[in-house]
Amino acid sequence: MTTAPMQWLRGRIARSRDQDAGRATIEVVFLAVLLLIPTVYILIAVFRVQAATFAVTQAARDAGRLLDTAPTIDIGLSQAREAAAVSLSDQSVPSGTVVIRFTDPGAPCDDGVEVPPPMPAGTNVDVCVTATISLPGVPTVLTGSRNTVTGVYTLHVGEFREGR
């Protein structure tokens, strides 16, 4: 008598295994896709912002150094613009929306008082490079020019430069 209930139980377990065959695979694939796509998008967006931040920081540093070592202010400004474009293109940031400003040290780059480029020797000035970035998958109609990153480099204008 003990074998009949055991056979019945074994048969029932075998039937339930056959009915569940393949469901775990479908559930894992569904959950993986459901969780993987947003995670990958967030990572791509974070890496894009990080690359743009690195690019504008490097552009501000290069622009400040070139401006200080240039023989004339006009040559320095053109070299600074070219260096900023190269630094941004290295990180695949479009350089068409780049703004280079010179402000007093510690002043905000967006609405601070702008210092005109012929700066006297021995002064400190902040070189601000601001670029507009686009996030992947987000139309620019929604974001416009609100996604900006800014790099700041404090430049001490050389005191012992020839011609200054």
C-alpha atoms as a PDB file:
ATOM      1  CA  MET A   1       0.000   0.000   0.000  1.00  0.00           C
ATOM      2  CA  THR A   2       2.833   2.401   0.564  1.00  0.00           C
ATOM      3  CA  THR A   3       4.045   2.082  -2.989  1.00  0.00           C
ATOM      4  CA  ALA A   4       0.806   3.243  -4.584  1.00  0.00           C
ATOM      5  CA  PRO A   5       0.760   6.675  -2.921  1.00  0.00           C
ATOM      6  CA  MET A   6       4.470   7.080  -3.703  1.00  0.00           C
ATOM      7  CA  GLN A   7       3.904   6.286  -7.367  1.00  0.00           C
ATOM      8  CA  TRP A   8       1.000   8.678  -7.465  1.00  0.00           C
ATOM      9  CA  LEU A   9       3.188  11.403  -5.889  1.00  0.00           C
ATOM     10  CA  ARG A  10       6.073  10.701  -8.304  1.00  0.00           C
ATOM     11  CA  GLY A  11       3.708  10.927 -11.269  1.00  0.00           C
ATOM     12  CA  ARG A  12       2.274  14.192 -10.039  1.00  0.00           C
ATOM     13  CA  ILE A  13       5.784  15.672  -9.537  1.00  0.00           C
ATOM     14  CA  ALA A  14       6.814  14.555 -13.035  1.00  0.00           C
ATOM     15  CA  ARG A  15       3.710  16.167 -14.560  1.00  0.00           C
ATOM     16  CA  SER A  16       4.317  19.465 -12.727  1.00  0.00           C
ATOM     17  CA  ARG A  17       7.944  19.504 -13.933  1.00  0.00           C
ATOM     18  CA  ASP A  18       6.769  19.046 -17.512  1.00  0.00           C
ATOM     19  CA  GLN A  19       4.317  21.923 -17.161  1.00  0.00           C
ATOM     20  CA  ASP A  20       6.988  24.288 -15.758  1.00  0.00           C
ATOM     21  CA  ALA A  21       9.650  23.381 -18.296  1.00  0.00           C
ATOM     22  CA  GLY A  22      11.102  26.566 -19.849  1.00  0.00           C
ATOM     23  CA  ARG A  23       9.345  29.108 -17.664  1.00  0.00           C
ATOM     24  CA  ALA A  24      12.443  29.987 -15.653  1.00  0.00           C
ATOM     25  CA  THR A  25      14.334  30.826 -18.823  1.00  0.00           C
ATOM     26  CA  ILE A  26      11.586  33.133 -20.007  1.00  0.00           C
ATOM     27  CA  GLU A  27      11.376  34.843 -16.623  1.00  0.00           C
ATOM     28  CA  VAL A  28      15.135  35.366 -16.406  1.00  0.00           C
ATOM     29  CA  VAL A  29      15.328  36.763 -19.934  1.00  0.00           C
ATOM     30  CA  PHE A  30      12.353  39.062 -19.307  1.00  0.00           C
ATOM     31  CA  LEU A  31      13.784  40.388 -16.039  1.00  0.00           C
ATOM     32  CA  ALA A  32      17.271  40.748 -17.520  1.00  0.00           C
ATOM     33  CA  VAL A  33      15.948  42.835 -20.403  1.00  0.00           C
ATOM     34  CA  LEU A  34      13.698  44.805 -18.088  1.00  0.00           C
ATOM     35  CA  LEU A  35      16.595  45.676 -15.769  1.00  0.00           C
ATOM     36  CA  LEU A  36      19.472  45.702 -18.214  1.00  0.00           C
ATOM     37  CA  ILE A  37      18.190  48.319 -20.671  1.00  0.00           C
ATOM     38  CA  PRO A  38      17.662  51.110 -18.088  1.00  0.00           C
ATOM     39  CA  THR A  39      20.948  50.258 -16.377  1.00  0.00           C
ATOM     40  CA  VAL A  40      22.899  50.462 -19.634  1.00  0.00           C
ATOM     41  CA  TYR A  41      21.184  53.747 -20.553  1.00  0.00           C
ATOM     42  CA  ILE A  42      22.024  55.286 -17.177  1.00  0.00           C
ATOM     43  CA  LEU A  43      25.649  54.164 -17.512  1.00  0.00           C
ATOM     44  CA  ILE A  44      25.930  55.616 -21.014  1.00  0.00           C
ATOM     45  CA  ALA A  45      24.455  58.930 -19.850  1.00  0.00           C
ATOM     46  CA  VAL A  46      26.794  59.104 -16.838  1.00  0.00           C
ATOM     47  CA  PHE A  47      29.822  58.289 -18.983  1.00  0.00           C
ATOM     48  CA  ARG A  48      28.776  60.952 -21.499  1.00  0.00           C
ATOM     49  CA  VAL A  49      28.534  63.617 -18.802  1.00  0.00           C
ATOM     50  CA  GLN A  50      31.860  62.489 -17.306  1.00  0.00           C
ATOM     51  CA  ALA A  51      33.605  62.714 -20.701  1.00  0.00           C
ATOM     52  CA  ALA A  52      32.185  66.189 -21.286  1.00  0.00           C
ATOM     53  CA  THR A  53      33.288  67.321 -17.828  1.00  0.00           C
ATOM     54  CA  PHE A  54      36.792  66.047 -18.465  1.00  0.00           C
ATOM     55  CA  ALA A  55      36.842  67.735 -21.885  1.00  0.00           C
ATOM     56  CA  VAL A  56      35.851  71.209 -20.649  1.00  0.00           C
ATOM     57  CA  THR A  57      38.262  71.001 -17.718  1.00  0.00           C
ATOM     58  CA  GLN A  58      41.116  70.134 -20.064  1.00  0.00           C
ATOM     59  CA  ALA A  59      39.995  72.823 -22.511  1.00  0.00           C
ATOM     60  CA  ALA A  60      40.018  75.494 -19.779  1.00  0.00           C
ATOM     61  CA  ARG A  61      43.478  74.433 -18.630  1.00  0.00           C
ATOM     62  CA  ASP A  62      44.895  74.432 -22.161  1.00  0.00           C
ATOM     63  CA  ALA A  63      43.233  77.739 -23.051  1.00  0.00           C
ATOM     64  CA  GLY A  64      44.636  79.425 -19.947  1.00  0.00           C
ATOM     65  CA  ARG A  65      48.148  78.163 -20.512  1.00  0.00           C
ATOM     66  CA  LEU A  66      48.174  79.125 -24.175  1.00  0.00           C
ATOM     67  CA  LEU A  67      46.757  82.549 -23.424  1.00  0.00           C
ATOM     68  CA  ASP A  68      49.530  83.186 -20.903  1.00  0.00           C
ATOM     69  CA  THR A  69      52.387  82.027 -23.123  1.00  0.00           C
ATOM     70  CA  ALA A  70      51.256  83.654 -26.384  1.00  0.00           C
ATOM     71  CA  PRO A  71      53.259  86.613 -27.722  1.00  0.00           C
ATOM     72  CA  THR A  72      50.140  88.717 -28.307  1.00  0.00           C
ATOM     73  CA  ILE A  73      46.613  88.565 -26.915  1.00  0.00           C
ATOM     74  CA  ASP A  74      45.052  87.980 -30.347  1.00  0.00           C
ATOM     75  CA  ILE A  75      47.284  84.992 -31.032  1.00  0.00           C
ATOM     76  CA  GLY A  76      46.598  83.715 -27.519  1.00  0.00           C
ATOM     77  CA  LEU A  77      42.827  83.922 -27.979  1.00  0.00           C
ATOM     78  CA  SER A  78      42.906  82.122 -31.318  1.00  0.00           C
ATOM     79  CA  GLN A  79      45.182  79.415 -29.907  1.00  0.00           C
ATOM     80  CA  ALA A  80      42.913  79.082 -26.872  1.00  0.00           C
ATOM     81  CA  ARG A  81      39.861  78.575 -29.088  1.00  0.00           C
ATOM     82  CA  GLU A  82      41.697  75.980 -31.184  1.00  0.00           C
ATOM     83  CA  ALA A  83      42.957  74.147 -28.096  1.00  0.00           C
ATOM     84  CA  ALA A  84      39.459  74.084 -26.627  1.00  0.00           C
ATOM     85  CA  ALA A  85      38.102  72.638 -29.871  1.00  0.00           C
ATOM     86  CA  VAL A  86      40.782  69.928 -29.880  1.00  0.00           C
ATOM     87  CA  SER A  87      40.198  69.034 -26.226  1.00  0.00           C
ATOM     88  CA  LEU A  88      36.466  68.743 -26.814  1.00  0.00           C
ATOM     89  CA  SER A  89      36.839  66.718 -30.002  1.00  0.00           C
ATOM     90  CA  ASP A  90      39.094  64.263 -28.147  1.00  0.00           C
ATOM     91  CA  GLN A  91      36.101  63.378 -25.977  1.00  0.00           C
ATOM     92  CA  SER A  92      33.536  63.551 -28.834  1.00  0.00           C
ATOM     93  CA  VAL A  93      31.896  66.698 -27.494  1.00  0.00           C
ATOM     94  CA  PRO A  94      30.671  69.031 -30.261  1.00  0.00           C
ATOM     95  CA  SER A  95      32.643  72.253 -30.120  1.00  0.00           C
ATOM     96  CA  GLY A  96      29.993  74.382 -31.828  1.00  0.00           C
ATOM     97  CA  THR A  97      28.353  75.308 -28.532  1.00  0.00           C
ATOM     98  CA  VAL A  98      31.497  76.208 -26.594  1.00  0.00           C
ATOM     99  CA  VAL A  99      31.794  79.525 -24.781  1.00  0.00           C
ATOM    100  CA  ILE A 100      35.137  80.757 -23.398  1.00  0.00           C
ATOM    101  CA  ARG A 101      34.862  83.503 -20.780  1.00  0.00           C
ATOM    102  CA  PHE A 102      37.279  85.253 -18.464  1.00  0.00           C
ATOM    103  CA  THR A 103      35.964  86.210 -15.029  1.00  0.00           C
ATOM    104  CA  ASP A 104      37.311  87.319 -11.686  1.00  0.00           C
ATOM    105  CA  PRO A 105      38.566  84.413  -9.543  1.00  0.00           C
ATOM    106  CA  GLY A 106      35.686  82.764  -7.709  1.00  0.00           C
ATOM    107  CA  ALA A 107      32.998  84.574  -9.688  1.00  0.00           C
ATOM    108  CA  PRO A 108      30.313  82.448 -11.313  1.00  0.00           C
ATOM    109  CA  CYS A 109      31.046  81.651 -14.939  1.00  0.00           C
ATOM    110  CA  ASP A 110      27.487  82.145 -16.143  1.00  0.00           C
ATOM    111  CA  ASP A 111      26.649  85.594 -14.831  1.00  0.00           C
ATOM    112  CA  GLY A 112      29.909  86.857 -13.345  1.00  0.00           C
ATOM    113  CA  VAL A 113      31.593  90.069 -14.445  1.00  0.00           C
ATOM    114  CA  GLU A 114      33.605  89.307 -17.545  1.00  0.00           C
ATOM    115  CA  VAL A 115      37.237  90.453 -17.570  1.00  0.00           C
ATOM    116  CA  PRO A 116      38.404  91.779 -20.945  1.00  0.00           C
ATOM    117  CA  PRO A 117      41.250  89.720 -22.476  1.00  0.00           C
ATOM    118  CA  PRO A 118      44.170  92.189 -22.325  1.00  0.00           C
ATOM    119  CA  MET A 119      44.883  91.431 -18.666  1.00  0.00           C
ATOM    120  CA  PRO A 120      47.706  93.171 -16.777  1.00  0.00           C
ATOM    121  CA  ALA A 121      50.649  91.109 -15.573  1.00  0.00           C
ATOM    122  CA  GLY A 122      50.335  89.632 -12.109  1.00  0.00           C
ATOM    123  CA  THR A 123      46.552  89.397 -12.060  1.00  0.00           C
ATOM    124  CA  ASN A 124      44.530  86.272 -11.489  1.00  0.00           C
ATOM    125  CA  VAL A 125      41.634  85.437 -13.744  1.00  0.00           C
ATOM    126  CA  ASP A 126      39.362  82.401 -14.151  1.00  0.00           C
ATOM    127  CA  VAL A 127      39.187  80.866 -17.608  1.00  0.00           C
ATOM    128  CA  CYS A 128      35.708  79.340 -17.973  1.00  0.00           C
ATOM    129  CA  VAL A 129      34.880  76.933 -20.774  1.00  0.00           C
ATOM    130  CA  THR A 130      31.197  76.003 -21.022  1.00  0.00           C
ATOM    131  CA  ALA A 131      29.846  73.422 -23.449  1.00  0.00           C
ATOM    132  CA  THR A 132      26.327  72.206 -24.108  1.00  0.00           C
ATOM    133  CA  ILE A 133      26.032  68.427 -24.182  1.00  0.00           C
ATOM    134  CA  SER A 134      23.302  66.142 -25.412  1.00  0.00           C
ATOM    135  CA  LEU A 135      22.205  63.037 -23.591  1.00  0.00           C
ATOM    136  CA  PRO A 136      21.665  59.920 -25.679  1.00  0.00           C
ATOM    137  CA  GLY A 137      18.062  59.276 -26.571  1.00  0.00           C
ATOM    138  CA  VAL A 138      16.791  62.651 -25.315  1.00  0.00           C
ATOM    139  CA  PRO A 139      15.711  65.074 -28.048  1.00  0.00           C
ATOM    140  CA  THR A 140      17.244  68.543 -27.889  1.00  0.00           C
ATOM    141  CA  VAL A 141      13.746  70.002 -28.155  1.00  0.00           C
ATOM    142  CA  LEU A 142      13.165  68.836 -24.578  1.00  0.00           C
ATOM    143  CA  THR A 143      16.540  69.805 -23.124  1.00  0.00           C
ATOM    144  CA  GLY A 144      17.559  72.770 -25.278  1.00  0.00           C
ATOM    145  CA  SER A 145      20.710  74.398 -23.944  1.00  0.00           C
ATOM    146  CA  ARG A 146      20.129  73.441 -20.328  1.00  0.00           C
ATOM    147  CA  ASN A 147      22.608  70.535 -20.284  1.00  0.00           C
ATOM    148  CA  THR A 148      25.847  72.425 -19.835  1.00  0.00           C
ATOM    149  CA  VAL A 149      29.131  71.525 -18.209  1.00  0.00           C
ATOM    150  CA  THR A 150      31.726  74.100 -17.216  1.00  0.00           C
ATOM    151  CA  GLY A 151      35.448  73.788 -16.663  1.00  0.00           C
ATOM    152  CA  VAL A 152      37.335  76.457 -14.727  1.00  0.00           C
ATOM    153  CA  TYR A 153      41.071  77.142 -14.634  1.00  0.00           C
ATOM    154  CA  THR A 154      42.555  79.947 -12.537  1.00  0.00           C
ATOM    155  CA  LEU A 155      45.256  81.678 -14.534  1.00  0.00           C
ATOM    156  CA  HIS A 156      47.966  83.796 -12.963  1.00  0.00           C
ATOM    157  CA  VAL A 157      49.104  86.115 -15.731  1.00  0.00           C
ATOM    158  CA  GLY A 158      52.875  85.984 -15.959  1.00  0.00           C
ATOM    159  CA  GLU A 159      54.690  88.943 -14.474  1.00  0.00           C
ATOM    160  CA  PHE A 160      58.056  88.463 -16.120  1.00  0.00           C
ATOM    161  CA  ARG A 161      56.932  87.962 -19.700  1.00  0.00           C
ATOM    162  CA  GLU A 162      58.584  89.816 -22.521  1.00  0.00           C
ATOM    163  CA  GLY A 163      56.399  92.513 -24.023  1.00  0.00           C
ATOM    164  CA  ARG A 164      54.038  92.797 -21.031  1.00  0.00           C
END
